[in-house]
């Protein structure tokens, strides 16, 4: 299980979601649903822009994806939108991706739930929901909570994934 907070474990955990999306894109390519895709997970420019995959659809338009893997969301039903991380802009705040491919894994690192989140809709939703922000209270069920993780220096919104699906911001894939 990869639940400790350090870069090596975070990177290995992130590869779980990347592998799931890579497999999905290969299947879509073999079915003729996309023209092709590029795997940019190791490219420095893509890491800077927080884009893992570029996809060219059958009609020629391009989409980009950033992958996130979460070992806690199954229990909490929250996903995180980092505002700041160690005094820098958080990854989703600076991402240029069209979609966030978000997966929840269980204690054995098996993918249990998978979501496609439209990033511009998520940002707009945060703006609308901001008036409902509540101080973090574990298990409160609020759709949006502001939380600071002092141990890792991250200021983040905790967003209820079920509410995001209900509001059309996220789509459950698995």
N, C-alpha and C. Protein backbone atom coordinates (compact mmCIF):
# COMPACT_ATOMS: atom_id res chain seq x y z
N UNK A 1 0.85 -1.18 0.00
CA UNK A 1 0.00 0.00 0.00
C UNK A 1 0.89 1.24 0.00
N UNK A 2 0.55 2.23 -0.84
CA UNK A 2 1.37 3.42 -1.03
C UNK A 2 0.72 4.64 -0.41
N UNK A 3 0.52 4.67 0.88
CA UNK A 3 -0.22 5.77 1.49
C UNK A 3 0.64 6.79 2.22
N UNK A 4 1.93 6.56 2.37
CA UNK A 4 2.73 7.56 3.07
C UNK A 4 2.95 8.76 2.16
N UNK A 5 3.20 9.90 2.77
CA UNK A 5 3.32 11.12 1.98
C UNK A 5 4.79 11.43 1.72
N UNK A 6 5.28 10.93 0.61
CA UNK A 6 6.59 11.34 0.12
C UNK A 6 6.56 11.26 -1.39
N UNK A 7 7.49 11.93 -2.05
CA UNK A 7 7.44 12.07 -3.49
C UNK A 7 7.46 10.72 -4.21
N UNK A 8 8.33 9.80 -3.78
CA UNK A 8 8.42 8.51 -4.46
C UNK A 8 7.09 7.76 -4.41
N UNK A 9 6.46 7.72 -3.24
CA UNK A 9 5.17 7.04 -3.14
C UNK A 9 4.09 7.79 -3.90
N UNK A 10 4.10 9.12 -3.86
CA UNK A 10 3.14 9.91 -4.62
C UNK A 10 3.27 9.61 -6.11
N UNK A 11 4.50 9.51 -6.59
CA UNK A 11 4.72 9.24 -8.01
C UNK A 11 4.24 7.83 -8.37
N UNK A 12 4.54 6.84 -7.54
CA UNK A 12 4.07 5.47 -7.81
C UNK A 12 2.55 5.40 -7.75
N UNK A 13 1.96 6.09 -6.79
CA UNK A 13 0.51 6.12 -6.69
C UNK A 13 -0.08 6.76 -7.95
N UNK A 14 0.51 7.86 -8.39
CA UNK A 14 0.04 8.54 -9.59
C UNK A 14 0.09 7.67 -10.83
N UNK A 15 1.05 6.78 -10.89
CA UNK A 15 1.18 5.90 -12.05
C UNK A 15 0.01 4.94 -12.17
N UNK A 16 -0.67 4.64 -11.08
CA UNK A 16 -1.84 3.76 -11.14
C UNK A 16 -2.90 4.40 -12.03
N UNK A 17 -3.23 5.66 -11.76
CA UNK A 17 -4.23 6.36 -12.59
C UNK A 17 -3.76 6.55 -14.02
N UNK A 18 -2.48 6.86 -14.19
CA UNK A 18 -1.93 7.01 -15.54
C UNK A 18 -2.05 5.72 -16.33
N UNK A 19 -1.76 4.59 -15.69
CA UNK A 19 -1.86 3.30 -16.37
C UNK A 19 -3.29 2.99 -16.77
N UNK A 20 -4.25 3.32 -15.91
CA UNK A 20 -5.66 3.09 -16.23
C UNK A 20 -6.08 3.93 -17.43
N UNK A 21 -5.73 5.21 -17.44
CA UNK A 21 -6.10 6.06 -18.56
C UNK A 21 -5.37 5.63 -19.83
N UNK A 22 -4.10 5.27 -19.73
CA UNK A 22 -3.34 4.80 -20.89
C UNK A 22 -4.04 3.59 -21.51
N UNK A 23 -4.47 2.64 -20.70
CA UNK A 23 -5.18 1.46 -21.20
C UNK A 23 -6.50 1.84 -21.85
N UNK A 24 -7.22 2.77 -21.23
CA UNK A 24 -8.49 3.23 -21.79
C UNK A 24 -8.26 3.87 -23.16
N UNK A 25 -7.23 4.70 -23.27
CA UNK A 25 -6.93 5.37 -24.55
C UNK A 25 -6.49 4.38 -25.62
N UNK A 26 -5.71 3.38 -25.23
CA UNK A 26 -5.31 2.35 -26.21
C UNK A 26 -6.53 1.59 -26.72
N UNK A 27 -7.47 1.29 -25.84
CA UNK A 27 -8.70 0.61 -26.23
C UNK A 27 -9.52 1.50 -27.17
N UNK A 28 -9.63 2.78 -26.83
CA UNK A 28 -10.37 3.71 -27.69
C UNK A 28 -9.73 3.82 -29.06
N UNK A 29 -8.41 3.80 -29.10
CA UNK A 29 -7.68 3.85 -30.38
C UNK A 29 -7.97 2.60 -31.20
N UNK A 30 -7.92 1.43 -30.58
CA UNK A 30 -8.16 0.19 -31.31
C UNK A 30 -9.61 0.09 -31.79
N UNK A 31 -10.53 0.75 -31.09
CA UNK A 31 -11.95 0.77 -31.49
C UNK A 31 -12.25 1.87 -32.50
N UNK A 32 -11.24 2.69 -32.82
CA UNK A 32 -11.43 3.77 -33.79
C UNK A 32 -12.15 4.98 -33.24
N UNK A 33 -12.20 5.12 -31.93
CA UNK A 33 -12.90 6.24 -31.31
C UNK A 33 -12.02 7.48 -31.19
N UNK A 34 -10.71 7.30 -31.28
CA UNK A 34 -9.77 8.42 -31.33
C UNK A 34 -8.75 8.14 -32.42
N UNK A 35 -8.14 9.21 -32.95
CA UNK A 35 -7.10 9.02 -33.97
C UNK A 35 -5.83 8.49 -33.33
N UNK A 36 -5.36 9.21 -32.29
CA UNK A 36 -4.16 8.80 -31.57
C UNK A 36 -4.04 9.60 -30.29
N UNK A 37 -3.07 9.21 -29.47
CA UNK A 37 -2.78 9.96 -28.26
C UNK A 37 -1.29 9.92 -28.03
N UNK A 38 -0.82 10.92 -27.28
CA UNK A 38 0.58 10.92 -26.86
C UNK A 38 0.62 10.86 -25.34
N UNK A 39 1.55 10.05 -24.86
CA UNK A 39 1.78 9.89 -23.44
C UNK A 39 2.90 10.84 -23.06
N UNK A 40 2.56 11.90 -22.36
CA UNK A 40 3.52 12.95 -22.02
C UNK A 40 3.87 12.95 -20.54
N UNK A 41 3.65 11.83 -19.87
CA UNK A 41 3.84 11.77 -18.43
C UNK A 41 5.27 12.03 -17.99
N UNK A 42 6.23 11.81 -18.85
CA UNK A 42 7.65 11.99 -18.47
C UNK A 42 8.27 13.26 -19.04
N UNK A 43 7.51 14.02 -19.81
CA UNK A 43 8.05 15.23 -20.43
C UNK A 43 8.03 16.40 -19.45
N UNK A 44 9.16 17.10 -19.29
CA UNK A 44 9.21 18.23 -18.34
C UNK A 44 8.15 19.30 -18.61
N UNK A 45 7.92 19.64 -19.87
CA UNK A 45 6.93 20.69 -20.18
C UNK A 45 5.54 20.25 -19.77
N UNK A 46 5.24 18.99 -19.94
CA UNK A 46 3.93 18.48 -19.56
C UNK A 46 3.78 18.43 -18.05
N UNK A 47 4.86 18.13 -17.35
CA UNK A 47 4.79 18.16 -15.88
C UNK A 47 4.56 19.59 -15.40
N UNK A 48 5.20 20.55 -16.05
CA UNK A 48 5.03 21.95 -15.68
C UNK A 48 3.59 22.39 -15.89
N UNK A 49 2.98 21.96 -17.01
CA UNK A 49 1.61 22.34 -17.34
C UNK A 49 0.57 21.41 -16.74
N UNK A 50 1.03 20.36 -16.04
CA UNK A 50 0.15 19.35 -15.48
C UNK A 50 -0.80 18.78 -16.52
N UNK A 51 -0.18 18.24 -17.57
CA UNK A 51 -0.89 17.52 -18.63
C UNK A 51 -0.16 16.20 -18.84
N UNK A 52 -0.89 15.10 -18.69
CA UNK A 52 -0.29 13.78 -18.85
C UNK A 52 -0.48 13.19 -20.24
N UNK A 53 -1.63 13.47 -20.87
CA UNK A 53 -1.93 12.88 -22.17
C UNK A 53 -2.57 13.92 -23.09
N UNK A 54 -2.15 13.89 -24.37
CA UNK A 54 -2.79 14.67 -25.43
C UNK A 54 -3.53 13.66 -26.32
N UNK A 55 -4.78 13.95 -26.63
CA UNK A 55 -5.61 13.03 -27.40
C UNK A 55 -6.15 13.76 -28.62
N UNK A 56 -6.06 13.13 -29.79
CA UNK A 56 -6.68 13.67 -30.99
C UNK A 56 -7.89 12.80 -31.30
N UNK A 57 -9.05 13.42 -31.26
CA UNK A 57 -10.31 12.71 -31.46
C UNK A 57 -10.51 12.41 -32.95
N UNK A 58 -11.49 11.60 -33.27
CA UNK A 58 -11.77 11.22 -34.66
C UNK A 58 -12.04 12.44 -35.54
N UNK A 59 -12.71 13.45 -35.01
CA UNK A 59 -13.03 14.65 -35.79
C UNK A 59 -11.87 15.64 -35.85
N UNK A 60 -10.74 15.30 -35.22
CA UNK A 60 -9.55 16.13 -35.28
C UNK A 60 -9.34 17.08 -34.11
N UNK A 61 -10.35 17.28 -33.29
CA UNK A 61 -10.11 18.20 -32.17
C UNK A 61 -9.29 17.49 -31.09
N UNK A 62 -8.54 18.30 -30.35
CA UNK A 62 -7.62 17.78 -29.35
C UNK A 62 -8.14 17.99 -27.93
N UNK A 63 -7.85 17.02 -27.08
CA UNK A 63 -8.19 17.09 -25.66
C UNK A 63 -6.94 16.75 -24.86
N UNK A 64 -6.86 17.29 -23.65
CA UNK A 64 -5.74 16.99 -22.78
C UNK A 64 -6.26 16.50 -21.43
N UNK A 65 -5.46 15.61 -20.83
CA UNK A 65 -5.84 14.99 -19.56
C UNK A 65 -4.71 15.06 -18.56
N UNK A 66 -5.06 15.31 -17.32
CA UNK A 66 -4.18 15.18 -16.17
C UNK A 66 -4.76 14.06 -15.31
N UNK A 67 -3.92 13.19 -14.78
CA UNK A 67 -4.37 12.05 -13.98
C UNK A 67 -4.11 12.29 -12.51
N UNK A 68 -5.05 11.86 -11.69
CA UNK A 68 -4.91 11.93 -10.23
C UNK A 68 -5.39 10.61 -9.64
N UNK A 69 -4.64 10.09 -8.68
CA UNK A 69 -4.99 8.85 -8.00
C UNK A 69 -5.13 9.15 -6.52
N UNK A 70 -6.20 8.64 -5.91
CA UNK A 70 -6.55 9.00 -4.54
C UNK A 70 -6.81 7.74 -3.72
N UNK A 71 -6.09 7.61 -2.62
CA UNK A 71 -6.25 6.45 -1.73
C UNK A 71 -7.21 6.72 -0.58
N UNK A 72 -7.72 7.92 -0.45
CA UNK A 72 -8.57 8.28 0.68
C UNK A 72 -10.01 8.58 0.30
N UNK A 73 -10.25 8.90 -0.97
CA UNK A 73 -11.56 9.37 -1.40
C UNK A 73 -12.69 8.38 -1.28
N UNK A 74 -12.40 7.08 -1.35
CA UNK A 74 -13.47 6.10 -1.20
C UNK A 74 -14.18 6.27 0.14
N UNK A 75 -13.40 6.53 1.16
CA UNK A 75 -13.98 6.68 2.51
C UNK A 75 -14.54 8.08 2.73
N UNK A 76 -13.80 9.10 2.33
CA UNK A 76 -14.22 10.47 2.62
C UNK A 76 -15.22 11.03 1.61
N UNK A 77 -15.20 10.50 0.38
CA UNK A 77 -16.00 10.98 -0.76
C UNK A 77 -15.55 12.36 -1.20
N UNK A 78 -14.39 12.80 -0.73
CA UNK A 78 -13.82 14.09 -1.11
C UNK A 78 -12.66 13.91 -2.08
N UNK A 79 -12.55 14.83 -3.00
CA UNK A 79 -11.36 14.93 -3.82
C UNK A 79 -10.77 16.32 -3.58
N UNK A 80 -9.49 16.47 -3.87
CA UNK A 80 -8.83 17.73 -3.52
C UNK A 80 -8.53 18.58 -4.73
N UNK A 81 -8.74 19.86 -4.57
CA UNK A 81 -8.31 20.87 -5.53
C UNK A 81 -7.30 21.73 -4.77
N UNK A 82 -6.02 21.52 -5.08
CA UNK A 82 -4.96 22.24 -4.37
C UNK A 82 -4.91 23.69 -4.82
N UNK A 83 -4.99 24.58 -3.85
CA UNK A 83 -4.85 26.01 -4.13
C UNK A 83 -3.37 26.37 -4.12
N UNK A 84 -2.68 25.96 -3.06
CA UNK A 84 -1.23 26.16 -2.97
C UNK A 84 -0.59 24.87 -2.45
N UNK A 85 0.66 24.69 -2.83
CA UNK A 85 1.42 23.54 -2.36
C UNK A 85 2.85 24.02 -2.13
N UNK A 86 3.25 24.04 -0.86
CA UNK A 86 4.59 24.48 -0.49
C UNK A 86 4.94 25.84 -1.11
N UNK A 87 4.04 26.78 -0.95
CA UNK A 87 4.21 28.16 -1.39
C UNK A 87 4.18 28.35 -2.91
N UNK A 88 3.73 27.37 -3.65
CA UNK A 88 3.57 27.48 -5.11
C UNK A 88 2.10 27.25 -5.44
N UNK A 89 1.72 27.63 -6.66
CA UNK A 89 0.36 27.35 -7.10
C UNK A 89 0.14 25.85 -7.10
N UNK A 90 -1.02 25.42 -6.65
CA UNK A 90 -1.35 24.00 -6.65
C UNK A 90 -1.49 23.46 -8.06
N UNK A 91 -1.35 22.16 -8.21
CA UNK A 91 -1.30 21.55 -9.54
C UNK A 91 -2.56 21.81 -10.36
N UNK A 92 -3.74 21.70 -9.79
CA UNK A 92 -4.94 21.91 -10.59
C UNK A 92 -5.18 23.38 -10.88
N UNK A 93 -4.70 24.24 -10.02
CA UNK A 93 -4.81 25.66 -10.27
C UNK A 93 -3.98 26.13 -11.45
N UNK A 94 -2.88 25.44 -11.71
CA UNK A 94 -2.02 25.83 -12.82
C UNK A 94 -2.17 24.92 -14.04
N UNK A 95 -2.94 23.86 -13.91
CA UNK A 95 -3.07 22.89 -14.99
C UNK A 95 -3.72 23.51 -16.22
N UNK A 96 -3.22 23.10 -17.37
CA UNK A 96 -3.81 23.51 -18.65
C UNK A 96 -4.61 22.38 -19.28
N UNK A 97 -4.89 21.33 -18.51
CA UNK A 97 -5.63 20.18 -19.04
C UNK A 97 -7.10 20.51 -19.24
N UNK A 98 -7.71 19.80 -20.18
CA UNK A 98 -9.16 19.92 -20.38
C UNK A 98 -9.92 19.09 -19.35
N UNK A 99 -9.36 17.90 -19.06
CA UNK A 99 -10.02 16.96 -18.17
C UNK A 99 -9.06 16.45 -17.10
N UNK A 100 -9.63 16.15 -15.95
CA UNK A 100 -8.89 15.46 -14.90
C UNK A 100 -9.44 14.04 -14.86
N UNK A 101 -8.56 13.08 -15.04
CA UNK A 101 -8.93 11.67 -14.91
C UNK A 101 -8.60 11.30 -13.47
N UNK A 102 -9.63 11.04 -12.67
CA UNK A 102 -9.47 10.88 -11.22
C UNK A 102 -9.89 9.47 -10.84
N UNK A 103 -9.02 8.73 -10.16
CA UNK A 103 -9.36 7.37 -9.73
C UNK A 103 -9.20 7.24 -8.23
N UNK A 104 -10.11 6.45 -7.65
CA UNK A 104 -10.03 6.05 -6.25
C UNK A 104 -9.53 4.63 -6.21
N UNK A 105 -8.55 4.37 -5.34
CA UNK A 105 -8.04 3.02 -5.16
C UNK A 105 -8.35 2.55 -3.74
N UNK A 106 -8.44 1.23 -3.59
CA UNK A 106 -8.68 0.65 -2.27
C UNK A 106 -7.35 0.40 -1.56
N UNK A 107 -7.39 -0.25 -0.42
CA UNK A 107 -6.18 -0.46 0.36
C UNK A 107 -5.16 -1.36 -0.34
N UNK A 108 -5.59 -2.12 -1.33
CA UNK A 108 -4.67 -2.93 -2.12
C UNK A 108 -4.24 -2.26 -3.41
N UNK A 109 -4.53 -0.95 -3.54
CA UNK A 109 -4.21 -0.15 -4.72
C UNK A 109 -4.93 -0.63 -5.98
N UNK A 110 -6.12 -1.23 -5.81
CA UNK A 110 -6.97 -1.60 -6.93
C UNK A 110 -7.91 -0.45 -7.23
N UNK A 111 -8.07 -0.11 -8.50
CA UNK A 111 -8.97 0.97 -8.89
C UNK A 111 -10.41 0.51 -8.66
N UNK A 112 -11.15 1.30 -7.88
CA UNK A 112 -12.52 0.96 -7.53
C UNK A 112 -13.51 1.92 -8.20
N UNK A 113 -13.13 3.19 -8.30
CA UNK A 113 -13.97 4.19 -8.96
C UNK A 113 -13.09 5.03 -9.86
N UNK A 114 -13.69 5.50 -10.96
CA UNK A 114 -12.96 6.28 -11.95
C UNK A 114 -13.88 7.39 -12.46
N UNK A 115 -13.32 8.60 -12.57
CA UNK A 115 -14.12 9.77 -12.96
C UNK A 115 -13.41 10.59 -14.03
N UNK A 116 -14.20 11.23 -14.88
CA UNK A 116 -13.69 12.25 -15.79
C UNK A 116 -14.29 13.57 -15.30
N UNK A 117 -13.42 14.53 -15.01
CA UNK A 117 -13.85 15.83 -14.50
C UNK A 117 -13.44 16.89 -15.51
N UNK A 118 -14.39 17.69 -15.95
CA UNK A 118 -14.09 18.79 -16.86
C UNK A 118 -13.51 19.92 -16.02
N UNK A 119 -12.23 20.24 -16.26
CA UNK A 119 -11.53 21.17 -15.37
C UNK A 119 -12.16 22.55 -15.36
N UNK A 120 -12.54 23.09 -16.52
CA UNK A 120 -13.13 24.44 -16.49
C UNK A 120 -14.47 24.44 -15.76
N UNK A 121 -15.22 23.34 -15.86
CA UNK A 121 -16.48 23.25 -15.10
C UNK A 121 -16.19 23.17 -13.60
N UNK A 122 -15.12 22.44 -13.23
CA UNK A 122 -14.76 22.33 -11.82
C UNK A 122 -14.39 23.70 -11.27
N UNK A 123 -13.61 24.46 -12.03
CA UNK A 123 -13.22 25.80 -11.58
C UNK A 123 -14.44 26.70 -11.45
N UNK A 124 -15.35 26.64 -12.41
CA UNK A 124 -16.58 27.43 -12.32
C UNK A 124 -17.43 26.99 -11.13
N UNK A 125 -17.53 25.70 -10.91
CA UNK A 125 -18.28 25.15 -9.78
C UNK A 125 -17.70 25.65 -8.47
N UNK A 126 -16.37 25.65 -8.36
CA UNK A 126 -15.74 26.18 -7.15
C UNK A 126 -16.14 27.63 -6.91
N UNK A 127 -16.18 28.41 -7.97
CA UNK A 127 -16.57 29.82 -7.84
C UNK A 127 -18.00 29.97 -7.36
N UNK A 128 -18.90 29.16 -7.89
CA UNK A 128 -20.30 29.22 -7.49
C UNK A 128 -20.48 28.69 -6.07
N UNK A 129 -19.78 27.58 -5.78
CA UNK A 129 -19.95 26.93 -4.48
C UNK A 129 -19.21 27.65 -3.36
N UNK A 130 -18.33 28.57 -3.71
CA UNK A 130 -17.47 29.20 -2.71
C UNK A 130 -18.27 29.79 -1.56
N UNK A 131 -19.46 30.28 -1.85
CA UNK A 131 -20.29 30.86 -0.78
C UNK A 131 -20.70 29.80 0.25
N UNK A 132 -20.60 28.50 -0.14
CA UNK A 132 -20.96 27.43 0.77
C UNK A 132 -19.76 26.83 1.50
N UNK A 133 -18.58 27.44 1.33
CA UNK A 133 -17.37 26.89 1.96
C UNK A 133 -17.55 26.88 3.47
N UNK A 134 -17.23 25.75 4.04
CA UNK A 134 -17.29 25.59 5.49
C UNK A 134 -15.91 25.22 5.99
N UNK A 135 -15.56 25.62 7.20
CA UNK A 135 -14.30 25.14 7.77
C UNK A 135 -14.32 23.62 7.80
N UNK A 136 -13.18 23.02 7.62
CA UNK A 136 -13.09 21.57 7.57
C UNK A 136 -13.58 20.95 8.87
N UNK A 137 -14.49 20.02 8.73
CA UNK A 137 -14.95 19.22 9.87
C UNK A 137 -15.13 17.81 9.34
N UNK A 138 -14.34 16.90 9.82
CA UNK A 138 -14.35 15.54 9.32
C UNK A 138 -15.76 14.97 9.29
N UNK A 139 -16.12 14.45 8.11
CA UNK A 139 -17.41 13.80 7.96
C UNK A 139 -18.59 14.73 7.95
N UNK A 140 -18.37 16.02 7.70
CA UNK A 140 -19.47 16.99 7.77
C UNK A 140 -20.45 16.85 6.61
N UNK A 141 -19.99 16.29 5.48
CA UNK A 141 -20.87 16.13 4.34
C UNK A 141 -21.08 17.40 3.55
N UNK A 142 -20.39 18.49 3.89
CA UNK A 142 -20.52 19.71 3.12
C UNK A 142 -19.98 19.50 1.72
N UNK A 143 -20.58 20.12 0.69
CA UNK A 143 -20.10 19.91 -0.67
C UNK A 143 -18.71 20.49 -0.93
N UNK A 144 -18.31 21.45 -0.15
CA UNK A 144 -17.02 22.09 -0.38
C UNK A 144 -16.46 22.53 0.97
N UNK A 145 -15.21 22.15 1.23
CA UNK A 145 -14.56 22.50 2.48
C UNK A 145 -13.17 23.03 2.19
N UNK A 146 -12.71 23.97 2.97
CA UNK A 146 -11.36 24.51 2.85
C UNK A 146 -10.51 23.87 3.93
N UNK A 147 -9.35 23.36 3.54
CA UNK A 147 -8.54 22.57 4.47
C UNK A 147 -7.07 22.85 4.24
N UNK A 148 -6.31 23.01 5.32
CA UNK A 148 -4.87 23.19 5.23
C UNK A 148 -4.18 21.98 5.85
N UNK A 149 -3.36 21.30 5.05
CA UNK A 149 -2.56 20.16 5.54
C UNK A 149 -1.20 20.70 5.94
N UNK A 150 -1.04 20.98 7.21
CA UNK A 150 0.19 21.58 7.70
C UNK A 150 1.40 20.69 7.46
N UNK A 151 1.22 19.37 7.58
CA UNK A 151 2.34 18.44 7.42
C UNK A 151 2.96 18.47 6.03
N UNK A 152 2.16 18.77 5.00
CA UNK A 152 2.69 18.82 3.64
C UNK A 152 2.57 20.21 3.01
N UNK A 153 2.08 21.19 3.77
CA UNK A 153 2.03 22.56 3.29
C UNK A 153 1.08 22.79 2.14
N UNK A 154 -0.11 22.18 2.17
CA UNK A 154 -1.06 22.29 1.07
C UNK A 154 -2.36 22.93 1.57
N UNK A 155 -2.77 24.00 0.89
CA UNK A 155 -4.08 24.60 1.10
C UNK A 155 -4.97 24.08 -0.02
N UNK A 156 -6.09 23.47 0.34
CA UNK A 156 -6.89 22.81 -0.68
C UNK A 156 -8.38 22.91 -0.38
N UNK A 157 -9.15 22.81 -1.46
CA UNK A 157 -10.58 22.60 -1.31
C UNK A 157 -10.80 21.11 -1.29
N UNK A 158 -11.63 20.63 -0.38
CA UNK A 158 -12.09 19.26 -0.39
C UNK A 158 -13.47 19.29 -1.02
N UNK A 159 -13.61 18.63 -2.16
CA UNK A 159 -14.84 18.69 -2.95
C UNK A 159 -15.52 17.33 -2.92
N UNK A 160 -16.79 17.31 -2.63
CA UNK A 160 -17.55 16.07 -2.57
C UNK A 160 -17.79 15.55 -3.99
N UNK A 161 -17.22 14.39 -4.31
CA UNK A 161 -17.32 13.85 -5.67
C UNK A 161 -18.75 13.52 -6.06
N UNK A 162 -19.55 13.06 -5.11
CA UNK A 162 -20.94 12.73 -5.43
C UNK A 162 -21.73 13.98 -5.81
N UNK A 163 -21.46 15.07 -5.12
CA UNK A 163 -22.11 16.35 -5.45
C UNK A 163 -21.62 16.84 -6.81
N UNK A 164 -20.32 16.63 -7.12
CA UNK A 164 -19.80 17.05 -8.41
C UNK A 164 -20.45 16.27 -9.56
N UNK A 165 -20.70 14.98 -9.36
CA UNK A 165 -21.40 14.18 -10.37
C UNK A 165 -22.83 14.69 -10.51
N UNK A 166 -23.50 14.90 -9.39
CA UNK A 166 -24.88 15.40 -9.38
C UNK A 166 -24.98 16.74 -10.12
N UNK A 167 -23.97 17.60 -9.95
CA UNK A 167 -23.98 18.92 -10.57
C UNK A 167 -23.43 18.94 -12.00
N UNK A 168 -23.05 17.77 -12.54
CA UNK A 168 -22.58 17.69 -13.93
C UNK A 168 -21.14 18.11 -14.14
N UNK A 169 -20.36 18.23 -13.08
CA UNK A 169 -18.95 18.63 -13.17
C UNK A 169 -18.08 17.41 -13.45
N UNK A 170 -18.48 16.27 -12.88
CA UNK A 170 -17.74 15.01 -13.04
C UNK A 170 -18.68 13.95 -13.58
N UNK A 171 -18.07 12.99 -14.28
CA UNK A 171 -18.83 11.84 -14.81
C UNK A 171 -18.14 10.58 -14.32
N UNK A 172 -18.93 9.69 -13.72
CA UNK A 172 -18.37 8.43 -13.25
C UNK A 172 -18.18 7.49 -14.44
N UNK A 173 -16.97 6.95 -14.56
CA UNK A 173 -16.64 6.02 -15.64
C UNK A 173 -16.66 4.57 -15.18
N UNK A 174 -16.30 4.35 -13.92
CA UNK A 174 -16.25 2.98 -13.36
C UNK A 174 -16.79 3.03 -11.95
